[in-house]
Amino acid sequence: MTFGPIDIGHGHTVRFTSWHPDRELNPQSADIPDVEIFGLIDDHAKPDGTPCIGGCIVFDGDVARRVDPDGARWTLVSLDPLTVTPSLLCLTCTDHGFITNGKWVPA
């Protein structure tokens, strides 16, 4: 599930993701609670203007640490205005920037 999109400027929109596994199909997740805001997807364009596949980040928290103990995590500083640390670097197109005070700030 995602909620959004939210326009954060400079051609970036974000959608929030949730953690709600199907526990019948994933019994290993039976004791892991649902999380309404688990991370976000950053949609943007490549330098040539074509859509990039976007980047996805996971917010730090108990559930994220249990789901993927070695995975990268970001700190959700604030939902309103949206602020996330550290910066986001797209591994597909190398777009790099910060989400601060609800806006994309190029790095």
PDB file of N, CA and C in Angstrom:
ATOM      1  N   MET A   1       0.851  -1.184   0.000  1.00  0.00           N
ATOM      2  CA  MET A   1       0.000   0.000   0.000  1.00  0.00           C
ATOM      3  C   MET A   1       0.891   1.240   0.000  1.00  0.00           C
ATOM      4  N   THR A   2       0.519   2.225  -0.795  1.00  0.00           N
ATOM      5  CA  THR A   2       1.237   3.503  -0.803  1.00  0.00           C
ATOM      6  C   THR A   2       0.240   4.626  -0.650  1.00  0.00           C
ATOM      7  N   PHE A   3       0.670   5.730  -0.078  1.00  0.00           N
ATOM      8  CA  PHE A   3      -0.186   6.900  -0.054  1.00  0.00           C
ATOM      9  C   PHE A   3       0.617   8.063  -0.602  1.00  0.00           C
ATOM     10  N   GLY A   4      -0.086   8.837  -1.399  1.00  0.00           N
ATOM     11  CA  GLY A   4       0.543   9.938  -2.102  1.00  0.00           C
ATOM     12  C   GLY A   4      -0.037   9.975  -3.489  1.00  0.00           C
ATOM     13  N   PRO A   5       0.555  10.509  -4.477  1.00  0.00           N
ATOM     14  CA  PRO A   5       1.889  11.097  -4.422  1.00  0.00           C
ATOM     15  C   PRO A   5       1.885  12.512  -3.851  1.00  0.00           C
ATOM     16  N   ILE A   6       3.015  12.880  -3.304  1.00  0.00           N
ATOM     17  CA  ILE A   6       3.215  14.213  -2.749  1.00  0.00           C
ATOM     18  C   ILE A   6       4.334  14.873  -3.558  1.00  0.00           C
ATOM     19  N   ASP A   7       4.037  16.000  -4.159  1.00  0.00           N
ATOM     20  CA  ASP A   7       5.025  16.741  -4.940  1.00  0.00           C
ATOM     21  C   ASP A   7       5.959  17.464  -3.975  1.00  0.00           C
ATOM     22  N   ILE A   8       7.272  17.120  -4.040  1.00  0.00           N
ATOM     23  CA  ILE A   8       8.239  17.776  -3.160  1.00  0.00           C
ATOM     24  C   ILE A   8       9.191  18.684  -3.944  1.00  0.00           C
ATOM     25  N   GLY A   9       8.858  18.918  -5.222  1.00  0.00           N
ATOM     26  CA  GLY A   9       9.640  19.860  -6.019  1.00  0.00           C
ATOM     27  C   GLY A   9      10.791  19.229  -6.781  1.00  0.00           C
ATOM     28  N   HIS A  10      11.361  19.992  -7.692  1.00  0.00           N
ATOM     29  CA  HIS A  10      12.482  19.570  -8.537  1.00  0.00           C
ATOM     30  C   HIS A  10      12.180  18.272  -9.279  1.00  0.00           C
ATOM     31  N   GLY A  11      10.896  18.060  -9.628  1.00  0.00           N
ATOM     32  CA  GLY A  11      10.521  16.864 -10.381  1.00  0.00           C
ATOM     33  C   GLY A  11      10.393  15.595  -9.560  1.00  0.00           C
ATOM     34  N   HIS A  12      10.376  15.731  -8.245  1.00  0.00           N
ATOM     35  CA  HIS A  12      10.264  14.564  -7.358  1.00  0.00           C
ATOM     36  C   HIS A  12       8.877  14.499  -6.735  1.00  0.00           C
ATOM     37  N   THR A  13       8.313  13.299  -6.717  1.00  0.00           N
ATOM     38  CA  THR A  13       7.107  13.031  -5.939  1.00  0.00           C
ATOM     39  C   THR A  13       7.400  11.809  -5.084  1.00  0.00           C
ATOM     40  N   VAL A  14       6.801  11.769  -3.913  1.00  0.00           N
ATOM     41  CA  VAL A  14       7.003  10.634  -3.016  1.00  0.00           C
ATOM     42  C   VAL A  14       5.664  10.001  -2.671  1.00  0.00           C
ATOM     43  N   ARG A  15       5.721   8.706  -2.437  1.00  0.00           N
ATOM     44  CA  ARG A  15       4.570   7.926  -1.972  1.00  0.00           C
ATOM     45  C   ARG A  15       5.040   7.124  -0.771  1.00  0.00           C
ATOM     46  N   PHE A  16       4.233   7.087   0.273  1.00  0.00           N
ATOM     47  CA  PHE A  16       4.588   6.311   1.460  1.00  0.00           C
ATOM     48  C   PHE A  16       4.247   4.845   1.261  1.00  0.00           C
ATOM     49  N   THR A  17       5.031   3.990   1.877  1.00  0.00           N
ATOM     50  CA  THR A  17       4.777   2.552   1.856  1.00  0.00           C
ATOM     51  C   THR A  17       4.425   2.089   3.267  1.00  0.00           C
ATOM     52  N   SER A  18       3.749   0.949   3.331  1.00  0.00           N
ATOM     53  CA  SER A  18       3.356   0.344   4.608  1.00  0.00           C
ATOM     54  C   SER A  18       3.912  -1.064   4.688  1.00  0.00           C
ATOM     55  N   TRP A  19       3.928  -1.619   5.874  1.00  0.00           N
ATOM     56  CA  TRP A  19       4.314  -3.009   6.091  1.00  0.00           C
ATOM     57  C   TRP A  19       3.073  -3.752   6.584  1.00  0.00           C
ATOM     58  N   HIS A  20       2.483  -4.544   5.690  1.00  0.00           N
ATOM     59  CA  HIS A  20       1.294  -5.341   5.996  1.00  0.00           C
ATOM     60  C   HIS A  20       1.425  -6.679   5.271  1.00  0.00           C
ATOM     61  N   PRO A  21       2.290  -7.578   5.723  1.00  0.00           N
ATOM     62  CA  PRO A  21       2.478  -8.833   4.983  1.00  0.00           C
ATOM     63  C   PRO A  21       1.263  -9.751   5.109  1.00  0.00           C
ATOM     64  N   ASP A  22       1.054 -10.562   4.088  1.00  0.00           N
ATOM     65  CA  ASP A  22       0.042 -11.612   4.151  1.00  0.00           C
ATOM     66  C   ASP A  22       0.634 -12.720   5.018  1.00  0.00           C
ATOM     67  N   ARG A  23       0.143 -12.843   6.223  1.00  0.00           N
ATOM     68  CA  ARG A  23       0.751 -13.769   7.180  1.00  0.00           C
ATOM     69  C   ARG A  23       0.476 -15.236   6.870  1.00  0.00           C
ATOM     70  N   GLU A  24      -0.533 -15.512   6.072  1.00  0.00           N
ATOM     71  CA  GLU A  24      -0.742 -16.895   5.636  1.00  0.00           C
ATOM     72  C   GLU A  24       0.351 -17.309   4.663  1.00  0.00           C
ATOM     73  N   LEU A  25       0.722 -16.395   3.776  1.00  0.00           N
ATOM     74  CA  LEU A  25       1.793 -16.684   2.820  1.00  0.00           C
ATOM     75  C   LEU A  25       3.179 -16.496   3.427  1.00  0.00           C
ATOM     76  N   ASN A  26       3.266 -15.720   4.490  1.00  0.00           N
ATOM     77  CA  ASN A  26       4.554 -15.388   5.122  1.00  0.00           C
ATOM     78  C   ASN A  26       4.487 -15.675   6.621  1.00  0.00           C
ATOM     79  N   PRO A  27       4.392 -16.939   7.013  1.00  0.00           N
ATOM     80  CA  PRO A  27       4.255 -17.254   8.430  1.00  0.00           C
ATOM     81  C   PRO A  27       5.451 -16.787   9.269  1.00  0.00           C
ATOM     82  N   GLN A  28       6.599 -16.584   8.641  1.00  0.00           N
ATOM     83  CA  GLN A  28       7.764 -16.087   9.366  1.00  0.00           C
ATOM     84  C   GLN A  28       7.540 -14.670   9.882  1.00  0.00           C
ATOM     85  N   SER A  29       6.525 -13.985   9.353  1.00  0.00           N
ATOM     86  CA  SER A  29       6.212 -12.620   9.770  1.00  0.00           C
ATOM     87  C   SER A  29       5.044 -12.551  10.747  1.00  0.00           C
ATOM     88  N   ALA A  30       4.598 -13.688  11.233  1.00  0.00           N
ATOM     89  CA  ALA A  30       3.392 -13.742  12.070  1.00  0.00           C
ATOM     90  C   ALA A  30       3.479 -12.864  13.307  1.00  0.00           C
ATOM     91  N   ASP A  31       4.649 -12.762  13.898  1.00  0.00           N
ATOM     92  CA  ASP A  31       4.778 -11.989  15.140  1.00  0.00           C
ATOM     93  C   ASP A  31       5.322 -10.573  14.922  1.00  0.00           C
ATOM     94  N   ILE A  32       5.437 -10.146  13.657  1.00  0.00           N
ATOM     95  CA  ILE A  32       5.927  -8.801  13.359  1.00  0.00           C
ATOM     96  C   ILE A  32       4.716  -7.904  13.101  1.00  0.00           C
ATOM     97  N   PRO A  33       4.569  -6.822  13.868  1.00  0.00           N
ATOM     98  CA  PRO A  33       3.373  -5.971  13.720  1.00  0.00           C
ATOM     99  C   PRO A  33       3.358  -5.179  12.413  1.00  0.00           C
ATOM    100  N   ASP A  34       2.165  -4.798  11.995  1.00  0.00           N
ATOM    101  CA  ASP A  34       1.999  -3.921  10.841  1.00  0.00           C
ATOM    102  C   ASP A  34       2.552  -2.532  11.172  1.00  0.00           C
ATOM    103  N   VAL A  35       2.997  -1.847  10.128  1.00  0.00           N
ATOM    104  CA  VAL A  35       3.473  -0.464  10.265  1.00  0.00           C
ATOM    105  C   VAL A  35       2.814   0.346   9.159  1.00  0.00           C
ATOM    106  N   GLU A  36       2.088   1.373   9.527  1.00  0.00           N
ATOM    107  CA  GLU A  36       1.353   2.173   8.548  1.00  0.00           C
ATOM    108  C   GLU A  36       2.279   2.976   7.643  1.00  0.00           C
ATOM    109  N   ILE A  37       3.320   3.604   8.199  1.00  0.00           N
ATOM    110  CA  ILE A  37       4.288   4.353   7.393  1.00  0.00           C
ATOM    111  C   ILE A  37       5.654   3.701   7.602  1.00  0.00           C
ATOM    112  N   PHE A  38       6.039   2.881   6.615  1.00  0.00           N
ATOM    113  CA  PHE A  38       7.242   2.057   6.710  1.00  0.00           C
ATOM    114  C   PHE A  38       8.415   2.662   5.943  1.00  0.00           C
ATOM    115  N   GLY A  39       8.123   3.392   4.878  1.00  0.00           N
ATOM    116  CA  GLY A  39       9.165   3.989   4.049  1.00  0.00           C
ATOM    117  C   GLY A  39       8.536   4.843   2.982  1.00  0.00           C
ATOM    118  N   LEU A  40       9.322   5.136   1.938  1.00  0.00           N
ATOM    119  CA  LEU A  40       8.761   5.907   0.835  1.00  0.00           C
ATOM    120  C   LEU A  40       9.417   5.541  -0.477  1.00  0.00           C
ATOM    121  N   ILE A  41       8.681   5.841  -1.545  1.00  0.00           N
ATOM    122  CA  ILE A  41       9.158   5.678  -2.911  1.00  0.00           C
ATOM    123  C   ILE A  41       9.334   7.075  -3.486  1.00  0.00           C
ATOM    124  N   ASP A  42      10.502   7.335  -4.060  1.00  0.00           N
ATOM    125  CA  ASP A  42      10.822   8.630  -4.670  1.00  0.00           C
ATOM    126  C   ASP A  42      10.757   8.476  -6.179  1.00  0.00           C
ATOM    127  N   ASP A  43       9.726   9.055  -6.784  1.00  0.00           N
ATOM    128  CA  ASP A  43       9.589   9.039  -8.244  1.00  0.00           C
ATOM    129  C   ASP A  43      10.190  10.317  -8.812  1.00  0.00           C
ATOM    130  N   HIS A  44      10.993  10.154  -9.864  1.00  0.00           N
ATOM    131  CA  HIS A  44      11.650  11.297 -10.496  1.00  0.00           C
ATOM    132  C   HIS A  44      12.067  10.907 -11.909  1.00  0.00           C
ATOM    133  N   ALA A  45      12.602  11.863 -12.647  1.00  0.00           N
ATOM    134  CA  ALA A  45      13.061  11.615 -14.018  1.00  0.00           C
ATOM    135  C   ALA A  45      14.575  11.505 -14.041  1.00  0.00           C
ATOM    136  N   LYS A  46      15.064  10.746 -15.015  1.00  0.00           N
ATOM    137  CA  LYS A  46      16.503  10.679 -15.287  1.00  0.00           C
ATOM    138  C   LYS A  46      16.935  12.006 -15.911  1.00  0.00           C
ATOM    139  N   PRO A  47      18.241  12.256 -15.985  1.00  0.00           N
ATOM    140  CA  PRO A  47      18.700  13.506 -16.601  1.00  0.00           C
ATOM    141  C   PRO A  47      18.197  13.714 -18.030  1.00  0.00           C
ATOM    142  N   ASP A  48      17.924  12.627 -18.776  1.00  0.00           N
ATOM    143  CA  ASP A  48      17.427  12.771 -20.145  1.00  0.00           C
ATOM    144  C   ASP A  48      15.913  13.014 -20.201  1.00  0.00           C
ATOM    145  N   GLY A  49      15.264  13.089 -19.019  1.00  0.00           N
ATOM    146  CA  GLY A  49      13.843  13.386 -18.953  1.00  0.00           C
ATOM    147  C   GLY A  49      12.933  12.174 -18.927  1.00  0.00           C
ATOM    148  N   THR A  50      13.473  10.990 -19.164  1.00  0.00           N
ATOM    149  CA  THR A  50      12.650   9.777 -19.103  1.00  0.00           C
ATOM    150  C   THR A  50      12.431   9.383 -17.652  1.00  0.00           C
ATOM    151  N   PRO A  51      11.320   8.727 -17.366  1.00  0.00           N
ATOM    152  CA  PRO A  51      11.055   8.336 -15.975  1.00  0.00           C
ATOM    153  C   PRO A  51      12.115   7.372 -15.447  1.00  0.00           C
ATOM    154  N   CYS A  52      12.566   7.625 -14.254  1.00  0.00           N
ATOM    155  CA  CYS A  52      13.471   6.706 -13.568  1.00  0.00           C
ATOM    156  C   CYS A  52      12.587   5.696 -12.840  1.00  0.00           C
ATOM    157  N   ILE A  53      13.127   4.530 -12.551  1.00  0.00           N
ATOM    158  CA  ILE A  53      12.324   3.537 -11.840  1.00  0.00           C
ATOM    159  C   ILE A  53      12.041   3.974 -10.413  1.00  0.00           C
ATOM    160  N   GLY A  54      12.707   5.030  -9.987  1.00  0.00           N
ATOM    161  CA  GLY A  54      12.458   5.553  -8.647  1.00  0.00           C
ATOM    162  C   GLY A  54      13.283   4.837  -7.605  1.00  0.00           C
ATOM    163  N   GLY A  55      13.374   5.466  -6.475  1.00  0.00           N
ATOM    164  CA  GLY A  55      14.105   4.880  -5.363  1.00  0.00           C
ATOM    165  C   GLY A  55      13.151   4.583  -4.230  1.00  0.00           C
ATOM    166  N   CYS A  56      13.517   3.635  -3.429  1.00  0.00           N
ATOM    167  CA  CYS A  56      12.688   3.256  -2.289  1.00  0.00           C
ATOM    168  C   CYS A  56      13.568   3.224  -1.048  1.00  0.00           C
ATOM    169  N   ILE A  57      13.094   3.839   0.015  1.00  0.00           N
ATOM    170  CA  ILE A  57      13.829   3.800   1.278  1.00  0.00           C
ATOM    171  C   ILE A  57      12.916   3.260   2.367  1.00  0.00           C
ATOM    172  N   VAL A  58      13.540   2.749   3.415  1.00  0.00           N
ATOM    173  CA  VAL A  58      12.839   2.214   4.582  1.00  0.00           C
ATOM    174  C   VAL A  58      13.215   3.068   5.779  1.00  0.00           C
ATOM    175  N   PHE A  59      12.204   3.447   6.563  1.00  0.00           N
ATOM    176  CA  PHE A  59      12.461   4.233   7.763  1.00  0.00           C
ATOM    177  C   PHE A  59      12.928   3.334   8.889  1.00  0.00           C
ATOM    178  N   ASP A  60      13.869   3.831   9.681  1.00  0.00           N
ATOM    179  CA  ASP A  60      14.399   3.074  10.808  1.00  0.00           C
ATOM    180  C   ASP A  60      13.305   2.832  11.850  1.00  0.00           C
ATOM    181  N   GLY A  61      13.338   1.688  12.451  1.00  0.00           N
ATOM    182  CA  GLY A  61      12.385   1.342  13.498  1.00  0.00           C
ATOM    183  C   GLY A  61      12.525  -0.127  13.856  1.00  0.00           C
ATOM    184  N   ASP A  62      11.866  -0.538  14.907  1.00  0.00           N
ATOM    185  CA  ASP A  62      11.960  -1.921  15.372  1.00  0.00           C
ATOM    186  C   ASP A  62      11.580  -2.922  14.287  1.00  0.00           C
ATOM    187  N   VAL A  63      10.478  -2.667  13.591  1.00  0.00           N
ATOM    188  CA  VAL A  63      10.027  -3.607  12.562  1.00  0.00           C
ATOM    189  C   VAL A  63      11.029  -3.663  11.413  1.00  0.00           C
ATOM    190  N   ALA A  64      11.517  -2.527  10.955  1.00  0.00           N
ATOM    191  CA  ALA A  64      12.496  -2.513   9.864  1.00  0.00           C
ATOM    192  C   ALA A  64      13.747  -3.290  10.251  1.00  0.00           C
ATOM    193  N   ARG A  65      14.189  -3.168  11.494  1.00  0.00           N
ATOM    194  CA  ARG A  65      15.375  -3.901  11.946  1.00  0.00           C
ATOM    195  C   ARG A  65      15.121  -5.399  11.996  1.00  0.00           C
ATOM    196  N   ARG A  66      13.905  -5.798  12.310  1.00  0.00           N
ATOM    197  CA  ARG A  66      13.570  -7.223  12.342  1.00  0.00           C
ATOM    198  C   ARG A  66      13.406  -7.798  10.937  1.00  0.00           C
ATOM    199  N   VAL A  67      12.783  -7.032  10.053  1.00  0.00           N
ATOM    200  CA  VAL A  67      12.527  -7.502   8.693  1.00  0.00           C
ATOM    201  C   VAL A  67      13.834  -7.663   7.917  1.00  0.00           C
ATOM    202  N   ASP A  68      14.736  -6.709   8.040  1.00  0.00           N
ATOM    203  CA  ASP A  68      16.012  -6.744   7.319  1.00  0.00           C
ATOM    204  C   ASP A  68      17.098  -6.164   8.222  1.00  0.00           C
ATOM    205  N   PRO A  69      17.676  -6.997   9.090  1.00  0.00           N
ATOM    206  CA  PRO A  69      18.645  -6.499  10.081  1.00  0.00           C
ATOM    207  C   PRO A  69      19.844  -5.766   9.476  1.00  0.00           C
ATOM    208  N   ASP A  70      20.233  -6.124   8.263  1.00  0.00           N
ATOM    209  CA  ASP A  70      21.415  -5.511   7.659  1.00  0.00           C
ATOM    210  C   ASP A  70      21.082  -4.450   6.612  1.00  0.00           C
ATOM    211  N   GLY A  71      19.799  -4.165   6.436  1.00  0.00           N
ATOM    212  CA  GLY A  71      19.378  -3.230   5.394  1.00  0.00           C
ATOM    213  C   GLY A  71      19.635  -1.779   5.758  1.00  0.00           C
ATOM    214  N   ALA A  72      19.708  -0.963   4.723  1.00  0.00           N
ATOM    215  CA  ALA A  72      19.860   0.483   4.918  1.00  0.00           C
ATOM    216  C   ALA A  72      18.548   1.057   5.427  1.00  0.00           C
ATOM    217  N   ARG A  73      18.635   2.039   6.299  1.00  0.00           N
ATOM    218  CA  ARG A  73      17.447   2.684   6.861  1.00  0.00           C
ATOM    219  C   ARG A  73      17.689   4.184   6.983  1.00  0.00           C
ATOM    220  N   TRP A  74      16.593   4.926   6.867  1.00  0.00           N
ATOM    221  CA  TRP A  74      16.631   6.382   6.991  1.00  0.00           C
ATOM    222  C   TRP A  74      15.815   6.797   8.206  1.00  0.00           C
ATOM    223  N   THR A  75      16.132   7.952   8.749  1.00  0.00           N
ATOM    224  CA  THR A  75      15.390   8.487   9.887  1.00  0.00           C
ATOM    225  C   THR A  75      14.291   9.413   9.381  1.00  0.00           C
ATOM    226  N   LEU A  76      13.070   9.111   9.787  1.00  0.00           N
ATOM    227  CA  LEU A  76      11.939   9.998   9.498  1.00  0.00           C
ATOM    228  C   LEU A  76      11.935  11.042  10.603  1.00  0.00           C
ATOM    229  N   VAL A  77      12.474  12.207  10.308  1.00  0.00           N
ATOM    230  CA  VAL A  77      12.590  13.283  11.290  1.00  0.00           C
ATOM    231  C   VAL A  77      11.220  13.899  11.555  1.00  0.00           C
ATOM    232  N   SER A  78      10.461  14.110  10.463  1.00  0.00           N
ATOM    233  CA  SER A  78       9.161  14.753  10.582  1.00  0.00           C
ATOM    234  C   SER A  78       8.281  14.342   9.406  1.00  0.00           C
ATOM    235  N   LEU A  79       6.996  14.126   9.683  1.00  0.00           N
ATOM    236  CA  LEU A  79       6.027  13.879   8.611  1.00  0.00           C
ATOM    237  C   LEU A  79       5.479  15.172   8.027  1.00  0.00           C
ATOM    238  N   ASP A  80       5.355  16.186   8.860  1.00  0.00           N
ATOM    239  CA  ASP A  80       4.771  17.445   8.411  1.00  0.00           C
ATOM    240  C   ASP A  80       5.491  18.607   9.069  1.00  0.00           C
ATOM    241  N   PRO A  81       6.411  19.240   8.353  1.00  0.00           N
ATOM    242  CA  PRO A  81       6.762  18.984   6.973  1.00  0.00           C
ATOM    243  C   PRO A  81       7.688  17.766   6.865  1.00  0.00           C
ATOM    244  N   LEU A  82       7.597  17.069   5.743  1.00  0.00           N
ATOM    245  CA  LEU A  82       8.385  15.853   5.545  1.00  0.00           C
ATOM    246  C   LEU A  82       9.872  16.169   5.559  1.00  0.00           C
ATOM    247  N   THR A  83      10.576  15.496   6.464  1.00  0.00           N
ATOM    248  CA  THR A  83      12.030  15.632   6.566  1.00  0.00           C
ATOM    249  C   THR A  83      12.611  14.260   6.858  1.00  0.00           C
ATOM    250  N   VAL A  84      13.595  13.861   6.044  1.00  0.00           N
ATOM    251  CA  VAL A  84      14.215  12.546   6.132  1.00  0.00           C
ATOM    252  C   VAL A  84      15.726  12.740   6.128  1.00  0.00           C
ATOM    253  N   THR A  85      16.440  11.954   6.931  1.00  0.00           N
ATOM    254  CA  THR A  85      17.906  11.963   6.896  1.00  0.00           C
ATOM    255  C   THR A  85      18.406  10.535   6.845  1.00  0.00           C
ATOM    256  N   PRO A  86      19.546  10.271   6.240  1.00  0.00           N
ATOM    257  CA  PRO A  86      20.392  11.199   5.487  1.00  0.00           C
ATOM    258  C   PRO A  86      19.816  11.440   4.094  1.00  0.00           C
ATOM    259  N   SER A  87      20.666  11.898   3.182  1.00  0.00           N
ATOM    260  CA  SER A  87      20.253  12.194   1.814  1.00  0.00           C
ATOM    261  C   SER A  87      19.846  10.918   1.079  1.00  0.00           C
ATOM    262  N   LEU A  88      19.197  11.100  -0.077  1.00  0.00           N
ATOM    263  CA  LEU A  88      18.809   9.988  -0.942  1.00  0.00           C
ATOM    264  C   LEU A  88      19.647  10.056  -2.216  1.00  0.00           C
ATOM    265  N   LEU A  89      20.227   8.923  -2.589  1.00  0.00           N
ATOM    266  CA  LEU A  89      21.015   8.811  -3.810  1.00  0.00           C
ATOM    267  C   LEU A  89      20.394   7.715  -4.658  1.00  0.00           C
ATOM    268  N   CYS A  90      19.919   8.061  -5.845  1.00  0.00           N
ATOM    269  CA  CYS A  90      19.331   7.065  -6.738  1.00  0.00           C
ATOM    270  C   CYS A  90      20.457   6.254  -7.369  1.00  0.00           C
ATOM    271  N   LEU A  91      20.424   4.953  -7.174  1.00  0.00           N
ATOM    272  CA  LEU A  91      21.464   4.086  -7.721  1.00  0.00           C
ATOM    273  C   LEU A  91      21.277   3.833  -9.209  1.00  0.00           C
ATOM    274  N   THR A  92      20.126   4.213  -9.761  1.00  0.00           N
ATOM    275  CA  THR A  92      19.873   4.039 -11.188  1.00  0.00           C
ATOM    276  C   THR A  92      20.401   5.217 -11.995  1.00  0.00           C
ATOM    277  N   CYS A  93      20.068   6.449 -11.574  1.00  0.00           N
ATOM    278  CA  CYS A  93      20.429   7.627 -12.376  1.00  0.00           C
ATOM    279  C   CYS A  93      21.366   8.591 -11.650  1.00  0.00           C
ATOM    280  N   THR A  94      21.741   8.291 -10.439  1.00  0.00           N
ATOM    281  CA  THR A  94      22.647   9.077  -9.583  1.00  0.00           C
ATOM    282  C   THR A  94      22.079  10.411  -9.121  1.00  0.00           C
ATOM    283  N   ASP A  95      20.763  10.618  -9.252  1.00  0.00           N
ATOM    284  CA  ASP A  95      20.145  11.816  -8.691  1.00  0.00           C
ATOM    285  C   ASP A  95      20.373  11.781  -7.183  1.00  0.00           C
ATOM    286  N   HIS A  96      20.716  12.906  -6.601  1.00  0.00           N
ATOM    287  CA  HIS A  96      21.095  12.943  -5.188  1.00  0.00           C
ATOM    288  C   HIS A  96      20.533  14.204  -4.554  1.00  0.00           C
ATOM    289  N   GLY A  97      19.927  14.033  -3.395  1.00  0.00           N
ATOM    290  CA  GLY A  97      19.400  15.192  -2.701  1.00  0.00           C
ATOM    291  C   GLY A  97      18.838  14.849  -1.345  1.00  0.00           C
ATOM    292  N   PHE A  98      18.298  15.859  -0.704  1.00  0.00           N
ATOM    293  CA  PHE A  98      17.742  15.751   0.639  1.00  0.00           C
ATOM    294  C   PHE A  98      16.249  16.042   0.588  1.00  0.00           C
ATOM    295  N   ILE A  99      15.488  15.444   1.484  1.00  0.00           N
ATOM    296  CA  ILE A  99      14.092  15.832   1.685  1.00  0.00           C
ATOM    297  C   ILE A  99      14.064  16.576   3.010  1.00  0.00           C
ATOM    298  N   THR A 100      13.869  17.890   2.918  1.00  0.00           N
ATOM    299  CA  THR A 100      13.916  18.764   4.082  1.00  0.00           C
ATOM    300  C   THR A 100      12.749  19.743   4.025  1.00  0.00           C
ATOM    301  N   ASN A 101      12.014  19.834   5.131  1.00  0.00           N
ATOM    302  CA  ASN A 101      10.872  20.753   5.221  1.00  0.00           C
ATOM    303  C   ASN A 101       9.894  20.580   4.058  1.00  0.00           C
ATOM    304  N   GLY A 102       9.666  19.326   3.654  1.00  0.00           N
ATOM    305  CA  GLY A 102       8.701  19.020   2.607  1.00  0.00           C
ATOM    306  C   GLY A 102       9.162  19.295   1.197  1.00  0.00           C
ATOM    307  N   LYS A 103      10.450  19.565   1.018  1.00  0.00           N
ATOM    308  CA  LYS A 103      10.981  19.902  -0.316  1.00  0.00           C
ATOM    309  C   LYS A 103      12.199  19.069  -0.637  1.00  0.00           C
ATOM    310  N   TRP A 104      12.393  18.819  -1.949  1.00  0.00           N
ATOM    311  CA  TRP A 104      13.609  18.172  -2.431  1.00  0.00           C
ATOM    312  C   TRP A 104      14.681  19.245  -2.556  1.00  0.00           C
ATOM    313  N   VAL A 105      15.835  19.013  -1.933  1.00  0.00           N
ATOM    314  CA  VAL A 105      16.961  19.940  -1.995  1.00  0.00           C
ATOM    315  C   VAL A 105      18.108  19.200  -2.678  1.00  0.00           C
ATOM    316  N   PRO A 106      18.443  19.572  -3.927  1.00  0.00           N
ATOM    317  CA  PRO A 106      19.519  18.876  -4.626  1.00  0.00           C
ATOM    318  C   PRO A 106      20.826  18.955  -3.848  1.00  0.00           C
ATOM    319  N   ALA A 107      21.573  17.852  -3.890  1.00  0.00           N
ATOM    320  CA  ALA A 107      22.871  17.803  -3.192  1.00  0.00           C
ATOM    321  C   ALA A 107      23.954  18.376  -4.085  1.00  0.00           C
TER     322      ALA A 107
END
